C-alpha atoms as a PDB file:
ATOM      1  CA  MET A   1      -0.060  -0.217   0.250  1.00  0.00           C
ATOM      2  CA  VAL A   2       1.541   3.121  -0.381  1.00  0.00           C
ATOM      3  CA  TRP A   3       1.156   6.222   2.161  1.00  0.00           C
ATOM      4  CA  GLN A   4      -1.675   8.206   1.026  1.00  0.00           C
ATOM      5  CA  PRO A   5      -3.121  11.042   3.415  1.00  0.00           C
ATOM      6  CA  LEU A   6      -5.951   9.239   5.295  1.00  0.00           C
ATOM      7  CA  MET A   7      -8.774  10.360   6.750  1.00  0.00           C
ATOM      8  CA  ALA A   8     -11.771   9.332   9.911  1.00  0.00           C
ATOM      9  CA  THR A   9     -14.758   7.826   8.563  1.00  0.00           C
ATOM     10  CA  ASP A  10     -18.074   8.871   9.757  1.00  0.00           C
ATOM     11  CA  ASP A  11     -17.920   5.500  12.273  1.00  0.00           C
ATOM     12  CA  VAL A  12     -14.944   6.462  13.479  1.00  0.00           C
ATOM     13  CA  ILE A  13     -16.203  10.145  14.573  1.00  0.00           C
ATOM     14  CA  ASN A  14     -19.357   8.462  15.502  1.00  0.00           C
ATOM     15  CA  ALA A  15     -18.655   5.607  18.058  1.00  0.00           C
ATOM     16  CA  ALA A  16     -15.881   8.697  19.267  1.00  0.00           C
ATOM     17  CA  ILE A  17     -19.068  11.460  19.595  1.00  0.00           C
ATOM     18  CA  SER A  18     -20.823   8.726  21.595  1.00  0.00           C
ATOM     19  CA  ALA A  19     -17.919   7.504  24.025  1.00  0.00           C
ATOM     20  CA  PRO A  20     -18.840   8.068  27.303  1.00  0.00           C
ATOM     21  CA  ARG A  21     -17.271  11.222  28.957  1.00  0.00           C
ATOM     22  CA  ILE A  22     -16.891  12.450  32.100  1.00  0.00           C
ATOM     23  CA  ASP A  23     -17.888  16.485  31.144  1.00  0.00           C
ATOM     24  CA  PRO A  24     -20.282  15.268  28.324  1.00  0.00           C
ATOM     25  CA  ASP A  25     -20.649  19.037  27.869  1.00  0.00           C
ATOM     26  CA  ILE A  26     -16.981  18.863  26.607  1.00  0.00           C
ATOM     27  CA  GLN A  27     -17.441  18.344  23.227  1.00  0.00           C
ATOM     28  CA  ILE A  28     -14.549  16.150  21.691  1.00  0.00           C
ATOM     29  CA  MET A  29     -13.194  18.041  18.078  1.00  0.00           C
ATOM     30  CA  PHE A  30     -13.090  14.486  16.079  1.00  0.00           C
ATOM     31  CA  SER A  31     -12.229  16.804  12.742  1.00  0.00           C
ATOM     32  CA  ILE A  32      -8.784  15.595  11.806  1.00  0.00           C
ATOM     33  CA  ASP A  33      -8.165  18.833  10.011  1.00  0.00           C
ATOM     34  CA  HIS A  34      -9.930  21.201  12.799  1.00  0.00           C
ATOM     35  CA  VAL A  35      -6.960  18.954  14.905  1.00  0.00           C
ATOM     36  CA  PHE A  36      -4.185  19.324  12.287  1.00  0.00           C
ATOM     37  CA  LYS A  37      -4.880  23.087  12.719  1.00  0.00           C
ATOM     38  CA  ARG A  38      -4.618  23.352  15.943  1.00  0.00           C
ATOM     39  CA  LEU A  39      -1.331  21.587  16.039  1.00  0.00           C
ATOM     40  CA  ALA A  40       0.631  23.414  13.304  1.00  0.00           C
ATOM     41  CA  ALA A  41      -0.216  26.646  15.101  1.00  0.00           C
ATOM     42  CA  SER A  42       2.275  25.579  18.080  1.00  0.00           C
ATOM     43  CA  PRO A  43       5.836  26.093  17.590  1.00  0.00           C
ATOM     44  CA  PHE A  44       6.659  22.667  19.826  1.00  0.00           C
ATOM     45  CA  ARG A  45       3.994  20.715  17.684  1.00  0.00           C
ATOM     46  CA  GLN A  46       5.457  21.524  14.504  1.00  0.00           C
ATOM     47  CA  ARG A  47       8.659  20.797  15.076  1.00  0.00           C
ATOM     48  CA  PHE A  48       8.517  17.390  14.522  1.00  0.00           C
ATOM     49  CA  HIS A  49       9.871  16.012  11.681  1.00  0.00           C
ATOM     50  CA  LEU A  50      10.803  11.419  10.291  1.00  0.00           C
ATOM     51  CA  GLY A  51      14.178  11.848  10.325  1.00  0.00           C
ATOM     52  CA  ALA A  52      15.471   9.721   7.948  1.00  0.00           C
ATOM     53  CA  LYS A  53      15.506   6.110  10.029  1.00  0.00           C
ATOM     54  CA  GLU A  54      12.388   6.985  10.333  1.00  0.00           C
ATOM     55  CA  TYR A  55      11.146   7.558   6.804  1.00  0.00           C
ATOM     56  CA  ARG A  56      13.414   4.434   5.484  1.00  0.00           C
ATOM     57  CA  TYR A  57      11.843   2.700   8.382  1.00  0.00           C
ATOM     58  CA  CYS A  58       8.020   3.121   6.976  1.00  0.00           C
ATOM     59  CA  GLN A  59       9.350   2.654   3.383  1.00  0.00           C
ATOM     60  CA  ASP A  60      10.174  -0.638   3.742  1.00  0.00           C
ATOM     61  CA  LYS A  61       7.669  -1.956   6.359  1.00  0.00           C
ATOM     62  CA  GLY A  62       4.463  -0.365   4.255  1.00  0.00           C
ATOM     63  CA  PRO A  63       1.660   1.577   6.529  1.00  0.00           C
ATOM     64  CA  GLU A  64       0.065  -1.760   7.413  1.00  0.00           C
ATOM     65  CA  THR A  65       2.586  -3.053  10.047  1.00  0.00           C
ATOM     66  CA  VAL A  66       2.981   0.839  10.979  1.00  0.00           C
ATOM     67  CA  SER A  67      -1.147   0.991  11.768  1.00  0.00           C
ATOM     68  CA  GLN A  68      -0.406  -2.031  13.559  1.00  0.00           C
ATOM     69  CA  HIS A  69       2.440  -0.759  15.944  1.00  0.00           C
ATOM     70  CA  ALA A  70       0.231   2.405  16.243  1.00  0.00           C
ATOM     71  CA  ALA A  71      -2.210   0.547  17.903  1.00  0.00           C
ATOM     72  CA  ASP A  72      -0.535  -1.468  19.583  1.00  0.00           C
ATOM     73  CA  PHE A  73       0.779   1.627  21.180  1.00  0.00           C
ATOM     74  CA  ILE A  74      -1.333   3.251  21.457  1.00  0.00           C
ATOM     75  CA  ALA A  75      -3.738   0.225  23.712  1.00  0.00           C
ATOM     76  CA  LYS A  76      -0.370  -0.659  25.552  1.00  0.00           C
ATOM     77  CA  ARG A  77       1.006   2.635  26.829  1.00  0.00           C
ATOM     78  CA  LEU A  78      -2.230   5.194  26.362  1.00  0.00           C
ATOM     79  CA  ALA A  79      -5.548   2.444  26.474  1.00  0.00           C
ATOM     80  CA  PRO A  80      -5.418   2.431  30.295  1.00  0.00           C
ATOM     81  CA  ALA A  81      -6.845   4.687  33.034  1.00  0.00           C
ATOM     82  CA  GLU A  82      -3.935   5.393  34.088  1.00  0.00           C
ATOM     83  CA  PRO A  83      -0.951   3.966  32.047  1.00  0.00           C
ATOM     84  CA  GLU A  84       2.415   4.137  33.481  1.00  0.00           C
ATOM     85  CA  GLN A  85       4.886   6.445  33.788  1.00  0.00           C
ATOM     86  CA  ASP A  86       1.884   8.685  32.710  1.00  0.00           C
ATOM     87  CA  GLY A  87       3.402  11.410  30.531  1.00  0.00           C
ATOM     88  CA  LYS A  88       7.008  10.095  30.427  1.00  0.00           C
ATOM     89  CA  GLN A  89       6.359   7.410  28.424  1.00  0.00           C
ATOM     90  CA  THR A  90       6.199   7.503  24.426  1.00  0.00           C
ATOM     91  CA  PRO A  91       9.642   8.479  24.107  1.00  0.00           C
ATOM     92  CA  MET A  92      11.010  11.358  21.753  1.00  0.00           C
ATOM     93  CA  ARG A  93      12.808   8.309  18.862  1.00  0.00           C
ATOM     94  CA  GLY A  94      13.785   5.716  18.448  1.00  0.00           C
ATOM     95  CA  HIS A  95      10.663   4.547  16.013  1.00  0.00           C
ATOM     96  CA  PRO A  96       8.390   6.714  13.770  1.00  0.00           C
ATOM     97  CA  VAL A  97       4.785   6.149  15.718  1.00  0.00           C
ATOM     98  CA  PHE A  98       6.801   7.280  18.557  1.00  0.00           C
ATOM     99  CA  ILE A  99       7.331  11.309  16.152  1.00  0.00           C
ATOM    100  CA  ALA A 100       4.284  11.251  16.039  1.00  0.00           C
ATOM    101  CA  GLN A 101       2.982  11.030  18.465  1.00  0.00           C
ATOM    102  CA  HIS A 102       4.754  13.459  19.593  1.00  0.00           C
ATOM    103  CA  ALA A 103       3.811  15.656  16.791  1.00  0.00           C
ATOM    104  CA  THR A 104      -0.373  15.203  17.428  1.00  0.00           C
ATOM    105  CA  ALA A 105      -0.227  15.192  21.246  1.00  0.00           C
ATOM    106  CA  THR A 106      -1.016  12.363  21.407  1.00  0.00           C
ATOM    107  CA  CYS A 107       1.797  11.004  23.253  1.00  0.00           C
ATOM    108  CA  CYS A 108       0.242  11.451  26.910  1.00  0.00           C
ATOM    109  CA  ARG A 109      -3.627  11.449  28.881  1.00  0.00           C
ATOM    110  CA  GLY A 110      -2.415  14.676  29.191  1.00  0.00           C
ATOM    111  CA  CYS A 111      -2.511  15.213  25.576  1.00  0.00           C
ATOM    112  CA  LEU A 112      -4.699  13.401  24.530  1.00  0.00           C
ATOM    113  CA  GLU A 113      -7.300  15.817  26.510  1.00  0.00           C
ATOM    114  CA  LYS A 114      -5.958  19.246  26.716  1.00  0.00           C
ATOM    115  CA  TRP A 115      -5.268  18.714  21.959  1.00  0.00           C
ATOM    116  CA  HIS A 116      -8.344  16.136  20.793  1.00  0.00           C
ATOM    117  CA  HIS A 117     -10.638  16.404  24.777  1.00  0.00           C
ATOM    118  CA  ILE A 118      -9.767  12.873  25.926  1.00  0.00           C
ATOM    119  CA  PRO A 119     -10.019  12.252  29.536  1.00  0.00           C
ATOM    120  CA  ALA A 120      -7.943  11.504  31.358  1.00  0.00           C
ATOM    121  CA  HIS A 121      -8.671   8.481  34.494  1.00  0.00           C
ATOM    122  CA  THR A 122     -10.698   6.408  31.983  1.00  0.00           C
ATOM    123  CA  ALA A 123      -9.844   3.538  29.747  1.00  0.00           C
ATOM    124  CA  MET A 124      -9.782   5.036  26.540  1.00  0.00           C
ATOM    125  CA  THR A 125     -12.752   2.887  24.719  1.00  0.00           C
ATOM    126  CA  PRO A 126     -12.028   0.898  21.058  1.00  0.00           C
ATOM    127  CA  ALA A 127     -13.152   4.177  18.978  1.00  0.00           C
ATOM    128  CA  GLN A 128     -10.829   6.125  21.198  1.00  0.00           C
ATOM    129  CA  GLN A 129      -8.110   4.997  20.439  1.00  0.00           C
ATOM    130  CA  HIS A 130      -8.746   4.276  16.392  1.00  0.00           C
ATOM    131  CA  TYR A 131      -9.563   7.612  16.130  1.00  0.00           C
ATOM    132  CA  ALA A 132      -5.806   8.264  18.590  1.00  0.00           C
ATOM    133  CA  VAL A 133      -4.292   5.773  15.385  1.00  0.00           C
ATOM    134  CA  THR A 134      -6.277   7.719  13.680  1.00  0.00           C
ATOM    135  CA  VAL A 135      -4.434  11.467  13.279  1.00  0.00           C
ATOM    136  CA  ILE A 136      -0.789   9.076  13.962  1.00  0.00           C
ATOM    137  CA  LEU A 137      -1.759   7.440  10.830  1.00  0.00           C
ATOM    138  CA  HIS A 138      -2.797  10.694   8.833  1.00  0.00           C
ATOM    139  CA  TRP A 139       0.233  12.970  10.352  1.00  0.00           C
ATOM    140  CA  LEU A 140       2.816   9.690   9.723  1.00  0.00           C
ATOM    141  CA  HIS A 141       1.017   9.872   5.918  1.00  0.00           C
ATOM    142  CA  GLN A 142       1.656  13.604   5.849  1.00  0.00           C
ATOM    143  CA  GLU A 143       5.186  12.982   6.226  1.00  0.00           C
ATOM    144  CA  MET A 144       5.691  10.240   3.737  1.00  0.00           C
ATOM    145  CA  GLN A 145       4.747  13.116   1.406  1.00  0.00           C
ATOM    146  CA  ARG A 146       8.282  15.162   1.893  1.00  0.00           C
ATOM    147  CA  PRO A 147      11.470  14.622   0.338  1.00  0.00           C
ATOM    148  CA  ALA A 148      13.401  12.625   1.939  1.00  0.00           C
ATOM    149  CA  PRO A 149      15.546  13.516   4.558  1.00  0.00           C
ATOM    150  CA  VAL A 150      18.917  13.747   3.901  1.00  0.00           C
ATOM    151  CA  ALA A 151      20.890  11.254   6.526  1.00  0.00           C
ATOM    152  CA  LYS A 152      22.980  13.003   8.756  1.00  0.00           C
ATOM    153  CA  GLU A 153      27.220  12.599   9.072  1.00  0.00           C
ATOM    154  CA  ARG A 154      27.754  10.846  12.059  1.00  0.00           C
ATOM    155  CA  LYS A 155      30.490  12.345  13.873  1.00  0.00           C
ATOM    156  CA  SER A 156      34.113  10.360  13.919  1.00  0.00           C
ATOM    157  CA  ASN A 157      34.836   9.082  17.261  1.00  0.00           C
ATOM    158  CA  LYS A 158      38.461   9.721  16.352  1.00  0.00           C
ATOM    159  CA  LYS A 159      41.231  10.497  18.475  1.00  0.00           C
ATOM    160  CA  ILE A 160      43.277  12.941  17.147  1.00  0.00           C
ATOM    161  CA  SER A 161      47.259  12.569  18.186  1.00  0.00           C
ATOM    162  CA  ASP A 162      48.801  14.554  19.833  1.00  0.00           C
ATOM    163  CA  THR A 163      51.863  14.047  17.456  1.00  0.00           C
ATOM    164  CA  PRO A 164      51.218  14.531  14.206  1.00  0.00           C
ATOM    165  CA  ASP A 165      52.607  12.850  11.403  1.00  0.00           C
ATOM    166  CA  ASN A 166      53.612  13.560   7.954  1.00  0.00           C
ATOM    167  CA  ALA A 167      50.658  13.098   6.281  1.00  0.00           C
ATOM    168  CA  GLN A 168      48.540  15.880   8.432  1.00  0.00           C
ATOM    169  CA  GLN A 169      51.349  18.039   8.420  1.00  0.00           C
ATOM    170  CA  MET A 170      50.853  20.817   6.435  1.00  0.00           C
ATOM    171  CA  ASN A 171      54.071  21.896   4.001  1.00  0.00           C
ATOM    172  CA  LEU A 172      54.003  26.282   5.064  1.00  0.00           C
ATOM    173  CA  LEU A 173      57.091  26.699   3.317  1.00  0.00           C
END
């Protein structure tokens, strides 16, 4: 499958809207366009982009595999009512989904509540989990439309000797 932008289906939206909430007066925002407009206004969220390794990982594994990884991460790290180490459970790097979670404010229950109005301290419903995965995949699909990032050159760990050899000396005369 090709990496193309995704949109939430009406079924996902309707199921998530009907999910129980702590405060019924808070409206759940499930318009992906609206959420992404809000995220675009955040300098912190805008600084996240896939690096060369993560981009290549997405190309190699494909959207189906990455989607399954996202669903697993959400189910294990965010779905419980009181996730272990909430606020610190999503690494800043190491997997494209982790980067996408920070970019889309689906990284912890506090961000999910602030940005997506999914209440904290309540287990996420399957519909809410599906919505979070859809937001993450939408961001990843957008990132995969960008040109591939250039791999950063790794710094050499070679120690420069104190006594330069003839090959390193410049002939100044």
